[in-house]
Amino acid sequence: MSASENVLDWLQSWYASQCDGDWEHTWGVAIETLDNPGWAVRIDLEGTGLADREYPEHQVTRGEHDWVTAWTADKAFRIACGPGNLAEALALFRSWATARVS
């Protein structure tokens, strides 16, 4: 299985597991387009087990439309990426969110 395979299914499950009748009324996941072109993602971490974890900025640039930047700020996991990199970028969130913290 590739790093990005089934990442959307995983994200849907992660989101559903956060929904407790309260969290989803204030927090959530937003996926929008950028005009350069690309994607912008905000995954709210407030009220989750990930709220206090840090993800230092991770940046990969392979070309004008082949790039990914991910980081945490303001209790959110943030992603900006090229138009064909959404699954790769979401896989970064999945890897971080499921990693054991020592």
Protein backbone atom coordinates (compact mmCIF):
# COMPACT_ATOMS: atom_id res chain seq x y z
CA MET A 1 0.00 0.00 0.00
CA SER A 2 1.40 3.41 -0.91
CA ALA A 3 1.64 6.17 1.68
CA SER A 4 -1.35 7.98 0.18
CA GLU A 5 -3.55 4.94 -0.56
CA ASN A 6 -6.86 5.06 1.33
CA VAL A 7 -5.88 8.30 3.07
CA LEU A 8 -9.31 9.80 2.40
CA ASP A 9 -11.00 6.82 4.06
CA TRP A 10 -8.65 7.24 7.02
CA LEU A 11 -9.36 11.00 7.27
CA GLN A 12 -13.10 10.37 7.21
CA SER A 13 -12.72 7.88 10.07
CA TRP A 14 -10.48 10.25 12.03
CA TYR A 15 -13.00 13.07 11.62
CA ALA A 16 -15.92 10.84 12.65
CA SER A 17 -14.00 9.72 15.75
CA GLN A 18 -13.64 13.37 16.86
CA CYS A 19 -17.37 14.07 16.50
CA ASP A 20 -18.78 13.81 20.00
CA GLY A 21 -21.82 16.04 19.72
CA ASP A 22 -19.76 19.10 20.65
CA TRP A 23 -16.40 19.13 18.81
CA GLU A 24 -17.91 19.25 15.32
CA HIS A 25 -19.95 22.37 16.15
CA THR A 26 -16.79 24.43 16.63
CA TRP A 27 -13.95 22.51 14.97
CA GLY A 28 -13.46 20.45 11.83
CA VAL A 29 -11.57 19.90 8.61
CA ALA A 30 -11.49 22.42 5.76
CA ILE A 31 -10.13 21.73 2.28
CA GLU A 32 -9.99 24.65 -0.15
CA THR A 33 -8.31 25.47 -3.42
CA LEU A 34 -5.46 27.94 -3.88
CA ASP A 35 -5.09 30.19 -6.89
CA ASN A 36 -1.49 29.30 -7.66
CA PRO A 37 -2.97 26.45 -8.19
CA GLY A 38 -3.09 24.06 -5.28
CA TRP A 39 -4.82 23.04 -2.08
CA ALA A 40 -5.06 24.52 1.42
CA VAL A 41 -6.09 22.27 4.32
CA ARG A 42 -6.82 23.10 7.95
CA ILE A 43 -7.43 20.25 10.36
CA ASP A 44 -8.47 21.54 13.77
CA LEU A 45 -6.72 19.80 16.66
CA GLU A 46 -8.38 21.65 19.55
CA GLY A 47 -10.25 19.17 21.69
CA THR A 48 -8.39 16.18 20.26
CA GLY A 49 -5.52 14.11 21.62
CA LEU A 50 -3.27 15.91 19.13
CA ALA A 51 -3.92 19.47 20.33
CA ASP A 52 -0.60 19.91 22.13
CA ARG A 53 1.62 18.15 19.60
CA GLU A 54 3.92 20.10 17.31
CA TYR A 55 4.71 19.43 13.67
CA PRO A 56 7.62 21.61 12.59
CA GLU A 57 7.29 22.98 9.07
CA HIS A 58 7.94 20.29 6.48
CA GLN A 59 8.51 21.52 2.96
CA VAL A 60 9.14 19.60 -0.26
CA THR A 61 9.42 21.32 -3.63
CA ARG A 62 9.87 19.19 -6.72
CA GLY A 63 8.52 21.63 -9.29
CA GLU A 64 6.18 24.55 -9.92
CA HIS A 65 3.05 22.43 -9.39
CA ASP A 66 4.60 19.59 -7.37
CA TRP A 67 5.11 20.74 -3.78
CA VAL A 68 3.91 20.21 -0.22
CA THR A 69 4.23 22.31 2.93
CA ALA A 70 2.79 21.12 6.25
CA TRP A 71 3.02 22.51 9.79
CA THR A 72 1.06 23.03 13.01
CA ALA A 73 -0.05 26.45 14.22
CA ASP A 74 -2.82 27.65 16.51
CA LYS A 75 -3.84 24.08 17.43
CA ALA A 76 -4.36 23.13 13.78
CA PHE A 77 -2.49 20.98 11.28
CA ARG A 78 -2.06 23.06 8.15
CA ILE A 79 -1.24 22.02 4.63
CA ALA A 80 -0.55 23.91 1.43
CA CYS A 81 0.30 21.85 -1.63
CA GLY A 82 0.29 21.62 -5.38
CA PRO A 83 -2.79 20.56 -7.34
CA GLY A 84 -1.70 16.91 -7.55
CA ASN A 85 -0.31 16.58 -4.02
CA LEU A 86 -3.42 16.48 -1.82
CA ALA A 87 -3.27 12.74 -1.07
CA GLU A 88 0.47 12.96 -0.34
CA ALA A 89 -0.11 15.90 2.00
CA LEU A 90 -2.97 14.19 3.84
CA ALA A 91 -0.73 11.15 4.24
CA LEU A 92 1.72 13.38 6.15
CA PHE A 93 -1.08 14.23 8.58
CA ARG A 94 -2.02 10.55 8.92
CA SER A 95 1.60 9.55 9.63
CA TRP A 96 1.99 12.30 12.23
CA ALA A 97 -1.39 11.69 13.87
CA THR A 98 -0.83 7.93 14.21
CA ALA A 99 2.82 8.07 15.30
CA ARG A 100 3.54 7.00 18.85
CA VAL A 101 4.83 9.84 20.99
CA SER A 102 7.42 8.92 23.60
